[in-house]
Amino acid sequence: MIVIPAVDVLDHQVVQLVGGKPGSQQIVIPDIKSTAKKWVDLGAKYLHLVDLDGAFGKGDNVDVFCDIIRTCGVPCEVGGGIRSEETIRRYVEAGADRVITGTKAVTDIEWLKEMANKFPDKIVVGMDMKGGKVVIKGWQEPCPYSLKYLFDVIGSLPVAGVLFTHVDVEGKKGGVDENATRQFVTDCPVMVIASGGLTTYKDAETLSRSGAIAAVVGMALYDGVIKPWEWEIPWVADLA
């Protein structure tokens, strides 16, 4: 498993939200590119870029994200408000390793099938879980489909994986939910990237044991508690 630094962007600034709620920012950093470069310079092997402006319908950060993808020197996955083939194509052509689409993917199944086949092994389906249910539109509304149905669909498509974000623990510094993660990974037919609640190195080990192939770190990274480039334990595997 690999731990991936998150660069979440809202109002065109790097932020960390609590429980996904706008206005709950505990971290605000104006320079997006410098923040991404900082983590790479320190030794991060992969970046997780999230366009919260896109997710909340407040414009987008596609240009700056494409620039980071082209120049940062490590593979990147990017998500947040990705609801069109044009945006996916822009990111893929910029060199994105994976493109995460959530709301559009889990509400328009035919579109998901089309995108997965047009961009094989590039699409990651974002499944944000809150209160045991899949939520959409920046974690604000319930998804119209059940988790089981979505797993059935994804299992037949050439997707790169699923991003499982546990909104209930996101940004709260309270640790991960091992049981929820293990159950999700067990039921999911493709590889799982875990996000939400990663607070200590013990949490990282827990997610690894749960079967996640990667874990995204946010608040604990910006607080200086977790340094992914220093996480050296026997079961760490590079994603290359």
Protein backbone atom coordinates (compact mmCIF):
# COMPACT_ATOMS: atom_id res chain seq x y z
CA MET A 1 0.00 0.00 0.00
CA ILE A 2 1.06 3.58 -0.64
CA VAL A 3 0.03 6.72 1.26
CA ILE A 4 -0.85 9.58 -1.10
CA PRO A 5 -0.78 13.30 -0.16
CA ALA A 6 -4.01 15.13 -0.94
CA VAL A 7 -4.15 18.58 -2.51
CA ASP A 8 -7.78 19.67 -2.08
CA VAL A 9 -8.68 22.99 -3.70
CA LEU A 10 -11.63 25.24 -2.82
CA ASP A 11 -11.96 28.90 -3.80
CA HIS A 12 -8.74 28.30 -5.77
CA GLN A 13 -6.79 27.66 -2.56
CA VAL A 14 -5.55 24.49 -0.88
CA VAL A 15 -7.88 23.58 2.00
CA GLN A 16 -8.79 20.80 4.38
CA LEU A 17 -12.47 20.51 5.29
CA VAL A 18 -14.05 18.75 8.28
CA GLY A 19 -16.68 16.21 7.28
CA GLY A 20 -16.79 17.66 3.79
CA LYS A 21 -18.61 20.81 4.93
CA PRO A 22 -17.86 24.08 3.11
CA GLY A 23 -16.84 26.72 5.62
CA SER A 24 -15.14 24.19 7.91
CA GLN A 25 -11.67 24.85 6.53
CA GLN A 26 -8.89 24.21 9.05
CA ILE A 27 -6.12 24.60 6.50
CA VAL A 28 -6.00 27.38 3.87
CA ILE A 29 -2.95 27.78 1.62
CA PRO A 30 -3.14 30.21 -1.33
CA ASP A 31 -0.52 28.68 -3.66
CA ILE A 32 -1.73 25.40 -5.19
CA LYS A 33 1.31 24.62 -7.33
CA SER A 34 3.81 25.34 -4.56
CA THR A 35 1.91 23.08 -2.19
CA ALA A 36 1.95 20.20 -4.68
CA LYS A 37 5.64 20.81 -5.38
CA LYS A 38 6.41 20.82 -1.64
CA TRP A 39 5.10 17.28 -1.16
CA VAL A 40 6.98 16.00 -4.22
CA ASP A 41 10.20 17.73 -3.14
CA LEU A 42 9.89 16.05 0.26
CA GLY A 43 9.65 12.66 -1.42
CA ALA A 44 6.00 11.92 -2.17
CA LYS A 45 5.71 9.36 -4.98
CA TYR A 46 2.14 10.15 -5.98
CA LEU A 47 -0.37 13.03 -5.66
CA HIS A 48 -4.14 13.11 -5.14
CA LEU A 49 -5.65 16.30 -6.60
CA VAL A 50 -9.24 17.25 -5.72
CA ASP A 51 -11.18 20.10 -7.33
CA LEU A 52 -13.73 21.01 -4.65
CA ASP A 53 -14.73 24.07 -6.65
CA GLY A 54 -15.79 21.70 -9.41
CA ALA A 55 -17.55 19.41 -6.94
CA PHE A 56 -19.53 22.29 -5.43
CA GLY A 57 -20.32 23.92 -8.79
CA LYS A 58 -18.08 26.95 -8.18
CA GLY A 59 -16.01 26.84 -11.37
CA ASP A 60 -12.96 24.63 -11.69
CA ASN A 61 -9.20 24.34 -11.36
CA VAL A 62 -8.57 22.23 -14.47
CA ASP A 63 -5.86 24.49 -15.89
CA VAL A 64 -3.71 24.54 -12.76
CA PHE A 65 -4.24 20.82 -12.16
CA CYS A 66 -3.17 19.99 -15.72
CA ASP A 67 -0.07 22.13 -15.19
CA ILE A 68 0.76 20.25 -11.97
CA ILE A 69 0.20 16.89 -13.67
CA ARG A 70 2.56 17.82 -16.51
CA THR A 71 5.34 19.25 -14.36
CA CYS A 72 5.34 17.73 -10.85
CA GLY A 73 7.39 14.67 -11.80
CA VAL A 74 5.23 12.00 -10.11
CA PRO A 75 2.00 10.23 -11.16
CA CYS A 76 -1.22 12.00 -10.22
CA GLU A 77 -4.83 11.05 -9.78
CA VAL A 78 -7.37 13.84 -10.07
CA GLY A 79 -11.04 14.23 -9.17
CA GLY A 80 -13.73 16.66 -8.14
CA GLY A 81 -16.65 17.73 -10.30
CA ILE A 82 -15.57 15.67 -13.31
CA ARG A 83 -18.77 15.22 -15.28
CA SER A 84 -17.76 15.44 -18.95
CA GLU A 85 -15.72 13.51 -21.47
CA GLU A 86 -13.93 16.73 -22.36
CA THR A 87 -12.59 17.17 -18.82
CA ILE A 88 -11.52 13.53 -18.61
CA ARG A 89 -9.74 13.83 -21.94
CA ARG A 90 -7.93 17.00 -20.85
CA TYR A 91 -6.61 15.28 -17.76
CA VAL A 92 -5.64 12.10 -19.59
CA GLU A 93 -3.85 14.08 -22.31
CA ALA A 94 -2.04 16.08 -19.61
CA GLY A 95 -0.72 12.76 -18.29
CA ALA A 96 -2.99 11.95 -15.36
CA ASP A 97 -2.49 8.40 -14.13
CA ARG A 98 -6.11 8.11 -13.01
CA VAL A 99 -9.21 10.30 -13.29
CA ILE A 100 -11.78 10.09 -10.51
CA THR A 101 -15.43 10.73 -11.29
CA GLY A 102 -18.06 10.44 -8.61
CA THR A 103 -21.47 12.08 -8.94
CA LYS A 104 -21.78 11.70 -12.70
CA ALA A 105 -20.47 8.13 -12.64
CA VAL A 106 -22.83 6.85 -9.96
CA THR A 107 -25.93 8.62 -11.28
CA ASP A 108 -25.51 8.15 -15.06
CA ILE A 109 -24.57 4.51 -15.51
CA GLU A 110 -24.59 4.61 -19.32
CA TRP A 111 -22.17 7.53 -19.27
CA LEU A 112 -19.91 5.63 -16.86
CA LYS A 113 -19.89 2.62 -19.17
CA GLU A 114 -19.03 4.83 -22.14
CA MET A 115 -16.19 6.63 -20.33
CA ALA A 116 -14.75 3.40 -18.92
CA ASN A 117 -14.57 1.92 -22.39
CA LYS A 118 -13.19 5.07 -24.01
CA PHE A 119 -10.53 5.46 -21.30
CA PRO A 120 -9.78 1.90 -20.15
CA ASP A 121 -7.85 1.57 -16.88
CA LYS A 122 -7.97 5.34 -16.37
CA ILE A 123 -11.31 5.89 -14.65
CA VAL A 124 -11.63 5.60 -10.88
CA VAL A 125 -15.21 5.65 -9.61
CA GLY A 126 -15.59 7.88 -6.58
CA MET A 127 -17.88 6.39 -3.97
CA ASP A 128 -18.36 8.72 -1.03
CA MET A 129 -20.04 6.99 1.93
CA LYS A 130 -21.92 8.86 4.64
CA GLY A 131 -24.10 7.12 7.19
CA GLY A 132 -23.66 3.87 5.30
CA LYS A 133 -25.02 5.32 2.05
CA VAL A 134 -23.40 6.59 -1.15
CA VAL A 135 -23.66 10.39 -1.33
CA ILE A 136 -23.22 12.73 -4.30
CA LYS A 137 -22.80 16.40 -5.29
CA GLY A 138 -20.01 17.19 -2.87
CA TRP A 139 -21.42 14.84 -0.20
CA GLN A 140 -24.67 16.82 -0.05
CA GLU A 141 -27.30 14.40 -1.48
CA PRO A 142 -28.02 10.65 -1.44
CA CYS A 143 -27.20 8.57 -4.53
CA PRO A 144 -30.22 7.08 -6.33
CA TYR A 145 -28.54 3.65 -6.63
CA SER A 146 -27.57 1.12 -3.99
CA LEU A 147 -23.96 0.22 -3.31
CA LYS A 148 -24.61 -3.37 -4.39
CA TYR A 149 -25.98 -2.26 -7.75
CA LEU A 150 -23.01 0.03 -8.34
CA PHE A 151 -20.59 -2.79 -7.51
CA ASP A 152 -22.40 -5.04 -9.99
CA VAL A 153 -21.98 -2.41 -12.72
CA ILE A 154 -18.33 -1.64 -11.96
CA GLY A 155 -17.37 -5.30 -11.86
CA SER A 156 -18.00 -5.61 -15.58
CA LEU A 157 -16.12 -2.46 -16.64
CA PRO A 158 -12.41 -1.76 -17.36
CA VAL A 159 -12.12 0.80 -14.56
CA ALA A 160 -8.90 1.47 -12.67
CA GLY A 161 -10.54 1.15 -9.28
CA VAL A 162 -12.79 2.81 -6.71
CA LEU A 163 -12.02 5.69 -4.39
CA PHE A 164 -13.82 4.96 -1.12
CA THR A 165 -14.18 8.16 0.90
CA HIS A 166 -15.60 7.71 4.39
CA VAL A 167 -17.16 11.12 4.89
CA ASP A 168 -18.19 10.42 8.50
CA VAL A 169 -14.55 10.44 9.62
CA GLU A 170 -13.12 12.82 7.01
CA GLY A 171 -10.96 15.59 8.51
CA LYS A 172 -11.93 14.85 12.11
CA LYS A 173 -8.57 13.47 13.30
CA GLY A 174 -10.36 10.54 14.93
CA GLY A 175 -8.87 7.70 12.92
CA VAL A 176 -10.25 5.32 10.33
CA ASP A 177 -13.19 2.94 10.57
CA GLU A 178 -11.55 -0.44 10.06
CA ASN A 179 -14.77 -2.44 9.90
CA ALA A 180 -16.38 -0.17 7.30
CA THR A 181 -13.24 -0.16 5.17
CA ARG A 182 -12.72 -3.91 5.36
CA GLN A 183 -16.37 -4.55 4.43
CA PHE A 184 -16.18 -2.14 1.50
CA VAL A 185 -12.94 -3.65 0.19
CA THR A 186 -14.31 -7.19 0.59
CA ASP A 187 -17.48 -6.39 -1.34
CA CYS A 188 -15.89 -4.21 -4.04
CA PRO A 189 -15.00 -6.11 -7.25
CA VAL A 190 -12.04 -3.85 -8.10
CA MET A 191 -9.10 -2.34 -6.25
CA VAL A 192 -9.89 0.26 -3.57
CA ILE A 193 -8.19 3.51 -2.65
CA ALA A 194 -9.25 4.59 0.87
CA SER A 195 -9.80 8.15 1.99
CA GLY A 196 -11.03 9.66 5.23
CA GLY A 197 -9.77 9.50 8.79
CA LEU A 198 -6.11 8.65 8.17
CA THR A 199 -4.63 10.25 11.29
CA THR A 200 -1.71 8.10 12.44
CA TYR A 201 0.67 5.53 11.06
CA LYS A 202 -1.39 2.93 12.90
CA ASP A 203 -4.37 4.00 10.77
CA ALA A 204 -2.26 3.46 7.65
CA GLU A 205 -1.40 -0.04 8.81
CA THR A 206 -5.08 -0.69 9.53
CA LEU A 207 -6.08 0.37 6.01
CA SER A 208 -3.33 -1.80 4.56
CA ARG A 209 -4.58 -4.82 6.49
CA SER A 210 -8.11 -4.03 5.32
CA GLY A 211 -6.96 -4.57 1.74
CA ALA A 212 -6.81 -1.02 0.35
CA ILE A 213 -4.08 -0.62 -2.26
CA ALA A 214 -3.60 3.06 -1.37
CA ALA A 215 -4.72 5.56 1.24
CA VAL A 216 -5.15 9.31 0.85
CA VAL A 217 -3.90 11.52 3.68
CA GLY A 218 -5.11 15.08 4.20
CA MET A 219 -5.30 16.80 7.58
CA ALA A 220 -2.62 14.63 9.22
CA LEU A 221 -0.28 15.52 6.35
CA TYR A 222 -0.79 19.27 6.75
CA ASP A 223 -0.48 18.99 10.53
CA GLY A 224 2.89 17.24 10.07
CA VAL A 225 1.76 14.03 11.80
CA ILE A 226 2.05 11.71 8.78
CA LYS A 227 4.87 12.02 6.28
CA PRO A 228 4.17 9.54 3.45
CA TRP A 229 7.76 9.67 2.19
CA GLU A 230 8.95 8.35 5.58
CA TRP A 231 6.41 5.54 5.86
CA GLU A 232 8.63 2.52 5.37
CA ILE A 233 7.10 -0.76 6.51
CA PRO A 234 7.42 -4.21 4.89
CA TRP A 235 4.08 -4.29 3.10
CA VAL A 236 4.41 -0.91 1.34
CA ALA A 237 4.16 -1.44 -2.42
CA ASP A 238 4.69 1.21 -5.06
CA LEU A 239 1.83 1.75 -7.52
CA ALA A 240 4.12 1.96 -10.52
